[in-house]
């Protein structure tokens, strides 16, 4: 049963009206204008974030992945040092109130440079800072410190020794502040030599971290499990009362462009999501973003039910 469908970061409909949440600036500009310009840009992004949430409400889309680029060059400063932080906090509080009133789910998926399994201490320290800052944004929104407001990452690399990489992840996971650690989830990979759902169970057993199942990734890294077996195993790792999240996309190579790489995401979704009798929230990782959600509803409307929202 489909709990709800979501999309990631960019709303293409609003982008045509220059309403965007990922304004940035090149490094040269940041070095020249510094945190003051970063603050101005972040405030513009947060202002438009409110408009995106409003659009989602009007279109009955209750699941949305926030852009990690709302605060440009975030790794180079502390959020509290932004000159406009008080205004930004007020805007985020306003958004958080709106989200709770309409029972929406907001999540993050920080970039691939966040690697808790890295053997490089500097990379690990930067990752811990970045994840903490994602958690701080969620705190300003008033989101729960649970995987309902998940911050999702990958292990990030096997470095020739999966077990050693998993050991480092476990050790560094425990160093995260509560604002990030209590929200963190981990996702299966799309390469056979990387981390399958079966591999990730070791992390869950050691830390309790929930696992996000990605259907397309599983096709390339099965861990000798069927889709249903891997899906069910991942779903079983989520705490009681928090609806599990899964990622679904169609392969661009299969449906839209035979020249595309095998793991590339298509613009739209071309088959219904099999949920094997489980209640899950589905992030559609389709390039057409909100249009893909609306098309999926139209194409597979007979499969859509609208149960009560799970507890957070």
Protein backbone atom coordinates (compact mmCIF):
# COMPACT_ATOMS: atom_id res chain seq x y z
CA UNK A 1 0.00 0.00 0.00
CA UNK A 2 1.36 3.40 -0.97
CA UNK A 3 1.44 5.75 2.01
CA UNK A 4 2.41 8.80 0.00
CA UNK A 5 4.57 9.84 -2.95
CA UNK A 6 7.26 12.48 -2.89
CA UNK A 7 9.82 14.21 -5.10
CA UNK A 8 13.26 15.65 -4.54
CA UNK A 9 14.44 19.23 -4.18
CA UNK A 10 13.53 21.07 -7.38
CA UNK A 11 9.99 21.97 -8.39
CA UNK A 12 10.26 22.48 -12.14
CA UNK A 13 6.86 24.16 -12.36
CA UNK A 14 7.92 26.87 -9.93
CA UNK A 15 11.44 27.07 -11.33
CA UNK A 16 9.91 28.41 -14.54
CA UNK A 17 8.76 31.34 -12.37
CA UNK A 18 12.27 31.67 -10.89
CA UNK A 19 11.12 30.19 -7.58
CA UNK A 20 14.04 27.98 -6.59
CA UNK A 21 15.60 26.67 -3.40
CA UNK A 22 19.14 25.96 -4.60
CA UNK A 23 20.62 29.32 -5.57
CA UNK A 24 24.36 29.13 -5.14
CA UNK A 25 27.49 30.98 -6.11
CA UNK A 26 30.84 30.01 -7.53
CA UNK A 27 33.80 29.70 -5.21
CA UNK A 28 35.31 32.93 -6.54
CA UNK A 29 32.18 34.83 -5.51
CA UNK A 30 32.11 33.22 -2.08
CA UNK A 31 35.76 34.08 -1.48
CA UNK A 32 35.15 37.66 -2.61
CA UNK A 33 31.82 38.36 -0.86
CA UNK A 34 31.99 35.81 1.94
CA UNK A 35 29.36 34.84 4.46
CA UNK A 36 27.37 38.02 3.92
CA UNK A 37 26.48 37.00 0.36
CA UNK A 38 25.92 33.40 1.44
CA UNK A 39 23.45 34.68 4.02
CA UNK A 40 21.52 36.77 1.50
CA UNK A 41 21.35 33.82 -0.90
CA UNK A 42 20.25 31.41 1.83
CA UNK A 43 17.44 33.74 2.87
CA UNK A 44 16.19 33.92 -0.74
CA UNK A 45 16.24 30.11 -0.91
CA UNK A 46 14.35 29.73 2.36
CA UNK A 47 11.78 32.31 1.25
CA UNK A 48 11.14 30.27 -1.90
CA UNK A 49 11.14 27.04 0.15
CA UNK A 50 7.96 28.34 1.79
CA UNK A 51 6.42 28.78 -1.69
CA UNK A 52 7.36 25.22 -2.64
CA UNK A 53 5.68 23.87 0.49
CA UNK A 54 2.57 25.89 -0.33
CA UNK A 55 2.55 24.45 -3.87
CA UNK A 56 2.90 20.94 -2.47
CA UNK A 57 -0.06 21.53 -0.16
CA UNK A 58 -2.20 22.81 -3.02
CA UNK A 59 -1.32 19.71 -5.07
CA UNK A 60 -1.68 17.20 -2.23
CA UNK A 61 2.00 16.18 -2.26
CA UNK A 62 2.85 15.50 1.37
CA UNK A 63 6.39 14.14 1.02
CA UNK A 64 9.31 16.33 -0.07
CA UNK A 65 13.08 16.03 0.02
CA UNK A 66 14.68 19.35 0.86
CA UNK A 67 17.68 20.59 -1.08
CA UNK A 68 21.02 20.42 0.72
CA UNK A 69 22.00 23.49 -1.33
CA UNK A 70 19.63 25.90 0.44
CA UNK A 71 22.62 27.22 2.39
CA UNK A 72 25.45 27.78 -0.15
CA UNK A 73 28.95 26.85 1.00
CA UNK A 74 27.49 25.68 4.31
CA UNK A 75 30.60 23.65 5.11
CA UNK A 76 32.63 26.87 5.34
CA UNK A 77 30.77 28.49 8.26
CA UNK A 78 28.43 27.91 11.19
CA UNK A 79 24.75 28.62 10.58
CA UNK A 80 24.55 30.84 13.64
CA UNK A 81 27.19 33.13 12.08
CA UNK A 82 24.97 34.09 9.14
CA UNK A 83 24.01 37.79 9.42
CA UNK A 84 20.42 36.93 8.46
CA UNK A 85 20.09 33.90 10.74
CA UNK A 86 17.31 35.42 12.88
CA UNK A 87 15.21 36.13 9.81
CA UNK A 88 16.03 32.67 8.44
CA UNK A 89 14.97 31.07 11.74
CA UNK A 90 11.64 32.87 11.64
CA UNK A 91 11.03 31.70 8.10
CA UNK A 92 11.92 28.10 8.95
CA UNK A 93 9.68 28.20 12.02
CA UNK A 94 6.85 29.43 9.80
CA UNK A 95 7.48 26.62 7.31
CA UNK A 96 7.64 24.04 10.09
CA UNK A 97 4.28 25.17 11.45
CA UNK A 98 2.73 24.87 7.99
CA UNK A 99 4.24 21.42 7.47
CA UNK A 100 2.88 20.09 10.77
CA UNK A 101 -0.57 21.55 10.14
CA UNK A 102 -0.77 19.66 6.85
CA UNK A 103 0.97 16.47 8.03
CA UNK A 104 3.82 16.72 5.57
CA UNK A 105 7.09 14.80 5.71
CA UNK A 106 10.38 16.60 5.01
CA UNK A 107 13.70 14.78 4.61
CA UNK A 108 17.29 15.34 3.50
CA UNK A 109 19.74 13.36 1.34
CA UNK A 110 23.17 15.04 1.72
CA UNK A 111 25.67 14.63 -1.10
CA UNK A 112 28.10 11.73 -1.69
CA UNK A 113 31.04 13.60 -0.14
CA UNK A 114 29.52 12.81 3.27
CA UNK A 115 31.39 9.60 4.08
CA UNK A 116 31.39 8.28 7.63
CA UNK A 117 33.31 5.20 6.46
CA UNK A 118 36.25 7.20 5.09
CA UNK A 119 39.74 6.31 6.36
CA UNK A 120 40.58 10.02 6.07
CA UNK A 121 39.97 11.79 9.39
CA UNK A 122 39.50 15.17 7.70
CA UNK A 123 36.72 13.78 5.49
CA UNK A 124 35.05 12.26 8.54
CA UNK A 125 35.21 15.52 10.49
CA UNK A 126 33.74 17.46 7.56
CA UNK A 127 31.00 14.83 7.25
CA UNK A 128 30.11 15.09 10.94
CA UNK A 129 29.88 18.88 10.63
CA UNK A 130 27.76 18.70 7.49
CA UNK A 131 25.35 16.16 8.97
CA UNK A 132 25.11 18.21 12.17
CA UNK A 133 24.17 21.26 10.13
CA UNK A 134 21.47 19.36 8.27
CA UNK A 135 20.10 18.38 11.67
CA UNK A 136 20.23 22.00 12.84
CA UNK A 137 18.10 23.08 9.88
CA UNK A 138 15.58 20.40 10.78
CA UNK A 139 15.63 21.58 14.39
CA UNK A 140 14.84 25.11 13.22
CA UNK A 141 11.90 23.67 11.29
CA UNK A 142 10.73 21.96 14.46
CA UNK A 143 10.93 18.51 12.89
CA UNK A 144 11.15 15.45 15.16
CA UNK A 145 14.53 13.96 15.99
CA UNK A 146 13.52 10.63 14.51
CA UNK A 147 13.93 8.97 11.10
CA UNK A 148 10.54 10.43 10.19
CA UNK A 149 12.67 13.49 9.35
CA UNK A 150 15.43 11.34 7.92
CA UNK A 151 18.91 12.42 6.88
CA UNK A 152 19.86 9.72 4.39
CA UNK A 153 23.37 8.81 3.25
CA UNK A 154 25.34 5.95 1.71
CA UNK A 155 28.22 4.15 3.37
CA UNK A 156 30.32 5.93 0.78
CA UNK A 157 33.00 3.45 -0.16
CA UNK A 158 34.35 -0.02 0.55
CA UNK A 159 38.02 0.99 0.15
CA UNK A 160 38.91 -2.61 -0.67
CA UNK A 161 37.65 -3.95 2.65
CA UNK A 162 33.90 -3.86 3.33
CA UNK A 163 34.16 -5.00 6.92
CA UNK A 164 36.73 -2.35 7.82
CA UNK A 165 34.61 0.32 6.13
CA UNK A 166 31.53 -0.79 8.07
CA UNK A 167 33.54 -0.73 11.31
CA UNK A 168 34.57 2.87 10.64
CA UNK A 169 30.99 3.84 9.84
CA UNK A 170 29.78 2.31 13.12
CA UNK A 171 32.47 4.08 15.11
CA UNK A 172 31.90 7.46 13.48
CA UNK A 173 28.11 7.15 13.61
CA UNK A 174 28.40 7.11 17.39
CA UNK A 175 30.28 10.45 17.27
CA UNK A 176 27.38 12.29 15.65
CA UNK A 177 25.36 14.71 17.78
CA UNK A 178 21.76 13.69 18.48
CA UNK A 179 20.40 16.21 15.95
CA UNK A 180 21.94 14.11 13.15
CA UNK A 181 22.42 10.65 14.68
CA UNK A 182 18.77 10.19 15.69
CA UNK A 183 17.64 11.03 12.14
CA UNK A 184 20.26 9.20 10.12
CA UNK A 185 19.39 6.45 7.66
CA UNK A 186 21.55 4.52 5.20
CA UNK A 187 20.78 3.38 1.65
CA UNK A 188 21.85 0.44 -0.50
CA UNK A 189 24.21 1.01 -3.44
CA UNK A 190 23.99 0.44 -7.20
CA UNK A 191 27.31 -1.34 -7.78
CA UNK A 192 27.93 -5.03 -7.14
CA UNK A 193 31.13 -4.36 -5.19
CA UNK A 194 29.42 -1.92 -2.85
CA UNK A 195 26.82 -2.32 -0.10
CA UNK A 196 23.65 -4.37 -0.50
CA UNK A 197 20.75 -4.50 1.93
CA UNK A 198 22.29 -7.64 3.40
CA UNK A 199 25.59 -5.80 3.97
CA UNK A 200 23.80 -2.88 5.61
CA UNK A 201 22.12 -5.14 8.14
CA UNK A 202 25.42 -5.23 9.98
CA UNK A 203 25.16 -1.45 10.48
CA UNK A 204 21.59 -1.76 11.66
CA UNK A 205 22.39 -4.53 14.10
CA UNK A 206 25.25 -2.49 15.59
CA UNK A 207 23.60 0.93 15.67
CA UNK A 208 19.86 0.59 15.08
CA UNK A 209 20.13 2.78 11.97
CA UNK A 210 17.15 2.28 9.63
CA UNK A 211 17.79 1.19 6.04
CA UNK A 212 16.25 2.92 3.01
CA UNK A 213 15.52 0.46 0.21
CA UNK A 214 16.28 1.69 -3.31
CA UNK A 215 14.62 -0.54 -5.92
CA UNK A 216 16.79 0.42 -8.89
CA UNK A 217 20.02 0.15 -6.91
CA UNK A 218 19.02 -3.34 -5.79
CA UNK A 219 18.99 -4.52 -9.41
CA UNK A 220 22.76 -3.98 -9.55
CA UNK A 221 23.67 -4.99 -5.98
CA UNK A 222 21.35 -7.74 -4.79
CA UNK A 223 23.37 -9.39 -2.03
CA UNK A 224 21.80 -12.62 -3.34
CA UNK A 225 18.37 -11.47 -2.17
CA UNK A 226 15.22 -11.13 -4.24
CA UNK A 227 13.60 -7.71 -4.44
CA UNK A 228 10.88 -8.74 -2.00
CA UNK A 229 13.41 -10.23 0.44
CA UNK A 230 15.60 -7.11 0.38
CA UNK A 231 12.60 -4.78 0.59
CA UNK A 232 11.15 -6.64 3.57
CA UNK A 233 14.51 -6.75 5.34
CA UNK A 234 15.01 -2.99 4.93
CA UNK A 235 11.47 -2.17 6.06
CA UNK A 236 11.95 -4.32 9.18
CA UNK A 237 14.76 -2.01 10.38
CA UNK A 238 12.50 1.02 10.92
CA UNK A 239 11.33 1.89 14.43
CA UNK A 240 7.73 1.25 15.38
CA UNK A 241 5.47 4.20 14.59
CA UNK A 242 7.69 5.67 11.83
CA UNK A 243 6.68 4.86 8.28
CA UNK A 244 9.66 3.46 6.32
CA UNK A 245 10.93 5.32 3.27
CA UNK A 246 11.86 3.65 -0.01
CA UNK A 247 13.29 5.13 -3.21
CA UNK A 248 11.81 4.22 -6.57
CA UNK A 249 12.77 5.13 -10.12
CA UNK A 250 12.61 3.67 -13.60
CA UNK A 251 15.77 3.02 -15.57
CA UNK A 252 16.36 5.67 -18.23
CA UNK A 253 18.21 3.13 -20.40
CA UNK A 254 15.21 0.78 -20.45
CA UNK A 255 12.43 3.31 -21.04
CA UNK A 256 13.81 6.55 -22.52
CA UNK A 257 17.36 6.38 -23.86
CA UNK A 258 19.17 3.17 -24.74
CA UNK A 259 22.47 5.06 -24.66
CA UNK A 260 22.06 6.05 -20.99
CA UNK A 261 24.10 4.35 -18.27
CA UNK A 262 22.28 1.45 -16.65
CA UNK A 263 21.67 3.05 -13.26
CA UNK A 264 20.50 6.44 -14.59
CA UNK A 265 17.05 7.60 -13.48
CA UNK A 266 14.34 8.16 -16.08
CA UNK A 267 12.34 11.37 -16.27
CA UNK A 268 9.13 9.54 -15.32
CA UNK A 269 8.07 6.30 -13.65
CA UNK A 270 6.82 3.56 -15.96
CA UNK A 271 5.66 0.82 -13.60
CA UNK A 272 3.77 0.73 -10.30
CA UNK A 273 5.73 0.33 -7.08
CA UNK A 274 5.46 -3.10 -5.50
CA UNK A 275 5.13 -2.63 -1.73
CA UNK A 276 4.46 -6.27 -0.86
CA UNK A 277 1.63 -5.45 1.49
CA UNK A 278 3.70 -2.98 3.54
CA UNK A 279 2.91 0.66 4.30
CA UNK A 280 5.77 2.86 3.05
CA UNK A 281 6.43 6.42 1.92
CA UNK A 282 7.87 6.46 -1.59
CA UNK A 283 10.36 9.00 -2.84
CA UNK A 284 10.16 9.02 -6.62
CA UNK A 285 13.67 9.75 -7.86
CA UNK A 286 12.52 10.84 -11.30
CA UNK A 287 14.06 13.71 -13.23
CA UNK A 288 10.67 15.27 -13.97
CA UNK A 289 10.24 15.81 -10.22
CA UNK A 290 6.73 16.96 -9.26
CA UNK A 291 5.43 16.21 -12.76
CA UNK A 292 6.49 12.58 -12.30
CA UNK A 293 4.44 12.36 -9.09
CA UNK A 294 1.36 13.80 -10.78
CA UNK A 295 1.77 11.48 -13.79
CA UNK A 296 2.23 8.45 -11.54
CA UNK A 297 -1.03 9.28 -9.77
CA UNK A 298 -2.82 9.49 -13.09
CA UNK A 299 -1.28 6.33 -14.55
CA UNK A 300 -1.71 4.18 -11.45
CA UNK A 301 -4.59 5.88 -9.67
CA UNK A 302 -6.39 2.61 -9.01
CA UNK A 303 -3.51 1.52 -6.74
CA UNK A 304 -3.46 4.66 -4.61
CA UNK A 305 -5.00 4.61 -1.15
CA UNK A 306 -4.86 7.31 1.47
CA UNK A 307 -4.46 5.84 4.98
CA UNK A 308 -3.88 7.77 8.14
CA UNK A 309 -0.42 9.30 8.60
CA UNK A 310 1.83 7.26 10.87
CA UNK A 311 3.18 8.68 14.07
CA UNK A 312 6.45 10.57 13.98
